[in-house]
């Protein structure tokens, strides 16, 4: 039985950390070849698993040193049918990937979990298409059917929850939430935004949260914003005033390091690490201002352990 599936401990308001930008760290800082930006093939041999362990361990040690919990992601952002097929993986192969990903996370949890640092295993579900561009168009029902294979495979493991990460439009996110609901899995929806604070599809954060909640009866445990710099979304957080219900649904921030747009980042041959100290200060400003209720703090593209240390110094000191 999954340890926390019945009640996610991050819902109790205590601080939780997550990791940074897994794929960007491996590709740009460690020179690992990740075709299609997929990290899940690393799970399938000892060398790859060691690389993933070396990546996650500093974050787990950081959480433990601050007495914070940790949301431990599986390396399955690209492990859906379309991306898997591009890499030569069948549906059966991908089901095994989900099992291996959770088994790997379980081993890390056994090593690092303490009473002060609960570790929640989070099955990551990525978009059918690109994470920067709204290049697919599915209805919630179509998205539910498409993502059901991955969600079902994760639900059959010891994963505590699933998260839809880097969602570019709300209908796909709603479909993933419906698939999780059908398998009684807690689910978190994490949207990305452009420099104007709106989804790549043009939706505002308030509109996206409302659509998913309407489609699912408010099923997601909470929402997050990821793959965008705080300067891109801080200005839209006051939509609807201080009592805006949609903003109270935001429980996590996993910002990118760079202030560049997605188009600029996509075209850049180099990683922009931004300013870790400034990023940490912006997290503190967000939490002191409009988002005091946010409890999950992590990073996304371009962030690494330096950025999470700076966030901890500002938010958990």
Protein backbone atom coordinates (compact mmCIF):
# COMPACT_ATOMS: atom_id res chain seq x y z
CA UNK A 1 0.00 0.00 0.00
CA UNK A 2 1.32 3.45 -0.89
CA UNK A 3 2.31 5.30 2.28
CA UNK A 4 0.53 8.59 1.67
CA UNK A 5 -2.12 7.96 -0.95
CA UNK A 6 -4.93 8.36 1.57
CA UNK A 7 -3.66 11.70 2.85
CA UNK A 8 -0.87 13.70 1.21
CA UNK A 9 1.23 15.23 4.03
CA UNK A 10 1.94 18.41 2.03
CA UNK A 11 -1.75 19.26 2.40
CA UNK A 12 -1.14 19.87 6.11
CA UNK A 13 0.79 23.06 5.37
CA UNK A 14 4.32 22.05 6.31
CA UNK A 15 7.08 22.96 3.82
CA UNK A 16 8.04 20.44 1.16
CA UNK A 17 10.84 20.64 -1.37
CA UNK A 18 11.07 19.15 -4.84
CA UNK A 19 14.03 18.84 -7.17
CA UNK A 20 15.11 21.25 -9.91
CA UNK A 21 15.36 20.79 -13.65
CA UNK A 22 16.19 17.11 -14.08
CA UNK A 23 16.51 17.02 -17.86
CA UNK A 24 18.29 20.38 -18.23
CA UNK A 25 20.76 19.44 -15.50
CA UNK A 26 21.58 16.11 -17.13
CA UNK A 27 21.85 17.50 -20.66
CA UNK A 28 23.57 20.84 -20.11
CA UNK A 29 25.54 20.36 -16.90
CA UNK A 30 26.40 16.65 -17.07
CA UNK A 31 26.51 16.20 -20.87
CA UNK A 32 24.11 13.25 -20.83
CA UNK A 33 22.49 12.44 -24.16
CA UNK A 34 18.70 12.40 -23.67
CA UNK A 35 16.94 11.82 -27.00
CA UNK A 36 13.58 13.61 -27.03
CA UNK A 37 14.58 15.03 -23.62
CA UNK A 38 13.49 11.74 -22.07
CA UNK A 39 15.15 10.72 -18.80
CA UNK A 40 13.21 7.49 -18.28
CA UNK A 41 15.60 5.27 -20.33
CA UNK A 42 18.19 5.91 -17.59
CA UNK A 43 16.09 3.75 -15.27
CA UNK A 44 16.78 0.64 -17.30
CA UNK A 45 20.47 0.10 -16.57
CA UNK A 46 22.72 0.46 -13.56
CA UNK A 47 24.78 3.35 -14.94
CA UNK A 48 21.64 5.34 -15.67
CA UNK A 49 20.13 4.64 -12.27
CA UNK A 50 23.36 5.80 -10.65
CA UNK A 51 23.17 9.07 -12.61
CA UNK A 52 19.62 9.59 -11.39
CA UNK A 53 20.61 8.75 -7.83
CA UNK A 54 23.52 11.21 -7.97
CA UNK A 55 21.07 13.84 -9.19
CA UNK A 56 18.38 13.33 -6.54
CA UNK A 57 20.52 12.69 -3.45
CA UNK A 58 21.67 16.32 -2.91
CA UNK A 59 18.04 17.49 -2.98
CA UNK A 60 17.00 14.83 -0.49
CA UNK A 61 19.89 15.77 1.79
CA UNK A 62 18.89 19.44 1.52
CA UNK A 63 15.30 18.66 2.54
CA UNK A 64 16.47 16.59 5.47
CA UNK A 65 18.89 19.30 6.64
CA UNK A 66 15.98 21.80 6.75
CA UNK A 67 13.46 19.43 8.30
CA UNK A 68 11.28 19.73 5.21
CA UNK A 69 9.32 17.06 3.42
CA UNK A 70 10.12 16.07 -0.14
CA UNK A 71 8.03 15.35 -3.23
CA UNK A 72 10.12 12.77 -5.09
CA UNK A 73 9.30 12.75 -8.81
CA UNK A 74 9.58 9.74 -11.04
CA UNK A 75 11.63 10.26 -14.22
CA UNK A 76 8.58 9.61 -16.40
CA UNK A 77 7.74 13.02 -17.90
CA UNK A 78 8.20 11.60 -21.42
CA UNK A 79 6.94 8.06 -20.70
CA UNK A 80 3.64 8.38 -22.57
CA UNK A 81 2.59 6.51 -25.74
CA UNK A 82 3.60 9.11 -28.35
CA UNK A 83 7.01 9.97 -26.93
CA UNK A 84 7.66 6.34 -26.05
CA UNK A 85 6.92 5.26 -29.61
CA UNK A 86 9.39 7.84 -30.95
CA UNK A 87 12.03 6.21 -28.76
CA UNK A 88 11.05 2.64 -29.70
CA UNK A 89 9.12 1.68 -26.56
CA UNK A 90 5.88 -0.30 -26.69
CA UNK A 91 3.00 0.17 -24.26
CA UNK A 92 4.21 -2.92 -22.42
CA UNK A 93 7.70 -1.44 -22.22
CA UNK A 94 6.29 1.80 -20.84
CA UNK A 95 4.29 0.00 -18.17
CA UNK A 96 7.57 -1.58 -17.03
CA UNK A 97 9.16 1.88 -17.04
CA UNK A 98 6.48 3.15 -14.63
CA UNK A 99 7.15 0.20 -12.31
CA UNK A 100 10.92 0.70 -12.46
CA UNK A 101 10.57 4.43 -11.82
CA UNK A 102 8.57 3.90 -8.64
CA UNK A 103 10.85 1.09 -7.47
CA UNK A 104 13.80 3.45 -7.87
CA UNK A 105 12.00 6.15 -5.87
CA UNK A 106 11.07 3.68 -3.15
CA UNK A 107 14.73 2.80 -2.65
CA UNK A 108 15.59 6.48 -2.20
CA UNK A 109 12.70 6.92 0.22
CA UNK A 110 13.97 4.07 2.36
CA UNK A 111 17.39 5.74 2.53
CA UNK A 112 16.34 9.29 3.31
CA UNK A 113 12.89 9.46 4.89
CA UNK A 114 12.70 10.51 8.55
CA UNK A 115 9.90 11.60 10.86
CA UNK A 116 10.70 15.23 9.98
CA UNK A 117 11.18 14.53 6.26
CA UNK A 118 8.28 12.55 4.84
CA UNK A 119 8.93 11.61 1.22
CA UNK A 120 5.98 11.46 -1.15
CA UNK A 121 6.48 9.46 -4.36
CA UNK A 122 5.02 11.41 -7.25
CA UNK A 123 4.33 9.73 -10.59
CA UNK A 124 5.04 12.35 -13.23
CA UNK A 125 2.81 12.56 -16.31
CA UNK A 126 3.95 14.92 -19.05
CA UNK A 127 2.05 16.46 -21.96
CA UNK A 128 1.27 14.50 -25.08
CA UNK A 129 3.08 17.13 -27.12
CA UNK A 130 5.70 19.76 -26.38
CA UNK A 131 6.06 21.23 -22.91
CA UNK A 132 6.58 24.75 -24.25
CA UNK A 133 3.96 24.93 -27.01
CA UNK A 134 0.26 24.04 -27.10
CA UNK A 135 0.80 21.82 -30.16
CA UNK A 136 -1.89 19.21 -29.47
CA UNK A 137 -5.64 19.64 -29.06
CA UNK A 138 -7.63 17.04 -27.16
CA UNK A 139 -10.92 17.22 -25.35
CA UNK A 140 -10.90 16.19 -21.69
CA UNK A 141 -12.38 12.82 -22.68
CA UNK A 142 -9.73 12.28 -25.37
CA UNK A 143 -6.96 13.26 -22.95
CA UNK A 144 -8.34 10.93 -20.30
CA UNK A 145 -8.30 8.03 -22.75
CA UNK A 146 -4.81 8.90 -24.01
CA UNK A 147 -3.16 9.25 -20.58
CA UNK A 148 -5.09 6.41 -18.91
CA UNK A 149 -2.39 3.85 -19.72
CA UNK A 150 0.34 5.72 -17.85
CA UNK A 151 -1.90 6.70 -14.95
CA UNK A 152 -3.17 3.13 -14.55
CA UNK A 153 0.39 1.79 -14.56
CA UNK A 154 1.42 4.26 -11.86
CA UNK A 155 -1.71 3.52 -9.82
CA UNK A 156 -0.67 -0.15 -9.71
CA UNK A 157 2.61 0.78 -7.96
CA UNK A 158 3.50 2.26 -4.57
CA UNK A 159 3.31 5.82 -5.95
CA UNK A 160 1.40 8.13 -3.59
CA UNK A 161 0.13 10.53 -6.24
CA UNK A 162 0.47 11.58 -9.86
CA UNK A 163 1.19 15.03 -11.25
CA UNK A 164 0.50 16.46 -14.67
CA UNK A 165 3.60 18.56 -15.25
CA UNK A 166 4.13 21.39 -17.75
CA UNK A 167 0.55 21.46 -18.98
CA UNK A 168 0.05 23.95 -21.80
CA UNK A 169 -3.76 23.82 -22.00
CA UNK A 170 -6.45 23.02 -19.51
CA UNK A 171 -8.42 20.39 -21.43
CA UNK A 172 -5.47 17.97 -21.45
CA UNK A 173 -4.88 18.62 -17.77
CA UNK A 174 -8.55 17.92 -17.05
CA UNK A 175 -8.26 14.59 -18.88
CA UNK A 176 -5.28 13.54 -16.76
CA UNK A 177 -7.16 14.55 -13.62
CA UNK A 178 -10.14 12.45 -14.76
CA UNK A 179 -7.87 9.46 -15.39
CA UNK A 180 -6.39 9.83 -11.89
CA UNK A 181 -9.86 10.13 -10.40
CA UNK A 182 -10.93 6.93 -12.15
CA UNK A 183 -8.01 5.11 -10.48
CA UNK A 184 -8.45 6.79 -7.06
CA UNK A 185 -5.04 8.45 -7.33
CA UNK A 186 -4.44 11.88 -5.78
CA UNK A 187 -3.48 14.25 -8.58
CA UNK A 188 -1.75 17.60 -8.88
CA UNK A 189 -1.98 19.77 -11.98
CA UNK A 190 0.96 21.99 -12.86
CA UNK A 191 0.59 24.58 -15.61
CA UNK A 192 3.25 26.50 -17.46
CA UNK A 193 2.77 30.11 -18.52
CA UNK A 194 4.29 32.50 -21.03
CA UNK A 195 5.94 35.83 -20.18
CA UNK A 196 2.50 37.47 -19.97
CA UNK A 197 1.34 35.02 -17.30
CA UNK A 198 -1.07 33.18 -19.60
CA UNK A 199 -0.95 29.58 -20.80
CA UNK A 200 0.63 28.89 -24.21
CA UNK A 201 -2.97 28.19 -25.28
CA UNK A 202 -3.99 31.71 -24.23
CA UNK A 203 -5.91 30.78 -21.08
CA UNK A 204 -5.36 32.71 -17.89
CA UNK A 205 -4.40 30.75 -14.77
CA UNK A 206 -7.82 31.47 -13.29
CA UNK A 207 -9.57 30.14 -16.41
CA UNK A 208 -7.42 26.99 -16.49
CA UNK A 209 -8.01 26.13 -12.83
CA UNK A 210 -11.73 26.76 -13.20
CA UNK A 211 -12.00 24.49 -16.26
CA UNK A 212 -10.21 21.57 -14.61
CA UNK A 213 -12.14 21.93 -11.38
CA UNK A 214 -15.42 22.12 -13.29
CA UNK A 215 -14.56 18.99 -15.30
CA UNK A 216 -13.57 16.97 -12.23
CA UNK A 217 -15.69 18.31 -9.39
CA UNK A 218 -12.58 19.93 -7.90
CA UNK A 219 -10.72 16.61 -7.74
CA UNK A 220 -7.06 17.83 -7.96
CA UNK A 221 -5.41 18.03 -4.55
CA UNK A 222 -3.85 21.34 -5.59
CA UNK A 223 -2.32 23.11 -8.56
CA UNK A 224 1.20 24.33 -9.30
CA UNK A 225 2.93 26.71 -11.66
CA UNK A 226 6.09 25.40 -13.29
CA UNK A 227 8.45 26.05 -16.20
CA UNK A 228 8.16 29.84 -15.95
CA UNK A 229 10.11 32.53 -14.10
CA UNK A 230 8.35 34.35 -11.24
CA UNK A 231 8.53 37.58 -13.25
CA UNK A 232 6.26 35.89 -15.81
CA UNK A 233 3.42 35.07 -13.42
CA UNK A 234 3.70 37.30 -10.34
CA UNK A 235 1.61 39.96 -12.04
CA UNK A 236 -1.40 37.70 -12.67
CA UNK A 237 -1.66 36.36 -9.13
CA UNK A 238 -3.91 39.21 -8.04
CA UNK A 239 -6.58 38.36 -10.62
CA UNK A 240 -9.90 38.35 -8.83
CA UNK A 241 -8.60 40.17 -5.74
CA UNK A 242 -7.11 38.94 -2.51
CA UNK A 243 -9.82 36.31 -1.99
CA UNK A 244 -9.58 34.77 -5.47
CA UNK A 245 -10.55 31.14 -5.06
CA UNK A 246 -8.33 29.95 -7.92
CA UNK A 247 -5.20 31.34 -6.27
CA UNK A 248 -5.94 29.48 -3.05
CA UNK A 249 -5.81 26.30 -5.15
CA UNK A 250 -2.10 26.92 -5.98
CA UNK A 251 -0.04 24.78 -3.63
CA UNK A 252 3.36 24.66 -5.33
CA UNK A 253 5.85 26.66 -7.36
CA UNK A 254 8.49 25.11 -9.59
CA UNK A 255 9.90 28.06 -11.48
CA UNK A 256 12.47 28.10 -14.26
CA UNK A 257 15.81 29.80 -13.76
CA UNK A 258 15.69 32.08 -16.80
CA UNK A 259 13.58 35.16 -17.50
CA UNK A 260 13.67 34.35 -21.23
CA UNK A 261 10.54 33.29 -23.08
CA UNK A 262 9.93 29.65 -24.02
CA UNK A 263 10.67 30.47 -27.65
CA UNK A 264 14.00 32.05 -26.71
CA UNK A 265 14.93 29.12 -24.47
CA UNK A 266 13.98 26.62 -27.16
CA UNK A 267 16.31 28.34 -29.62
CA UNK A 268 19.20 28.76 -27.19
CA UNK A 269 22.14 26.34 -27.57
CA UNK A 270 23.21 27.05 -23.98
CA UNK A 271 21.58 26.81 -20.60
CA UNK A 272 20.62 30.07 -18.90
CA UNK A 273 20.99 29.46 -15.15
CA UNK A 274 19.68 32.90 -14.26
CA UNK A 275 20.44 34.23 -10.77
CA UNK A 276 19.85 31.66 -8.01
CA UNK A 277 19.95 34.25 -5.22
CA UNK A 278 17.43 36.47 -6.98
CA UNK A 279 15.19 33.48 -7.64
CA UNK A 280 15.21 32.58 -3.94
CA UNK A 281 14.23 36.14 -3.03
CA UNK A 282 11.37 36.08 -5.50
CA UNK A 283 10.04 32.86 -3.96
CA UNK A 284 10.10 34.53 -0.55
CA UNK A 285 8.31 37.60 -1.91
CA UNK A 286 5.61 35.42 -3.46
CA UNK A 287 5.06 33.51 -0.23
CA UNK A 288 5.06 36.66 1.91
CA UNK A 289 2.63 38.35 -0.45
CA UNK A 290 -0.14 36.54 -2.24
CA UNK A 291 0.85 32.91 -1.80
CA UNK A 292 1.42 32.28 1.90
CA UNK A 293 -0.37 28.94 1.54
CA UNK A 294 2.13 27.52 -0.99
CA UNK A 295 3.97 24.60 0.60
CA UNK A 296 5.81 22.81 -2.26
CA UNK A 297 8.93 24.61 -3.47
CA UNK A 298 11.05 23.28 -6.31
CA UNK A 299 12.56 24.21 -9.64
CA UNK A 300 12.18 23.55 -13.33
CA UNK A 301 14.23 24.19 -16.47
CA UNK A 302 17.69 25.57 -15.75
CA UNK A 303 17.51 25.18 -11.98
CA UNK A 304 19.82 22.93 -10.02
CA UNK A 305 20.84 22.39 -6.41
CA UNK A 306 22.22 25.95 -6.19
CA UNK A 307 18.78 27.39 -6.85
CA UNK A 308 17.09 25.13 -4.29
CA UNK A 309 19.67 26.06 -1.67
CA UNK A 310 18.95 29.74 -2.31
CA UNK A 311 15.20 29.09 -2.07
CA UNK A 312 15.72 27.29 1.24
CA UNK A 313 17.84 30.13 2.60
CA UNK A 314 15.09 32.62 1.83
CA UNK A 315 12.01 30.56 2.64
CA UNK A 316 13.03 27.95 5.22
CA UNK A 317 15.72 29.67 7.29
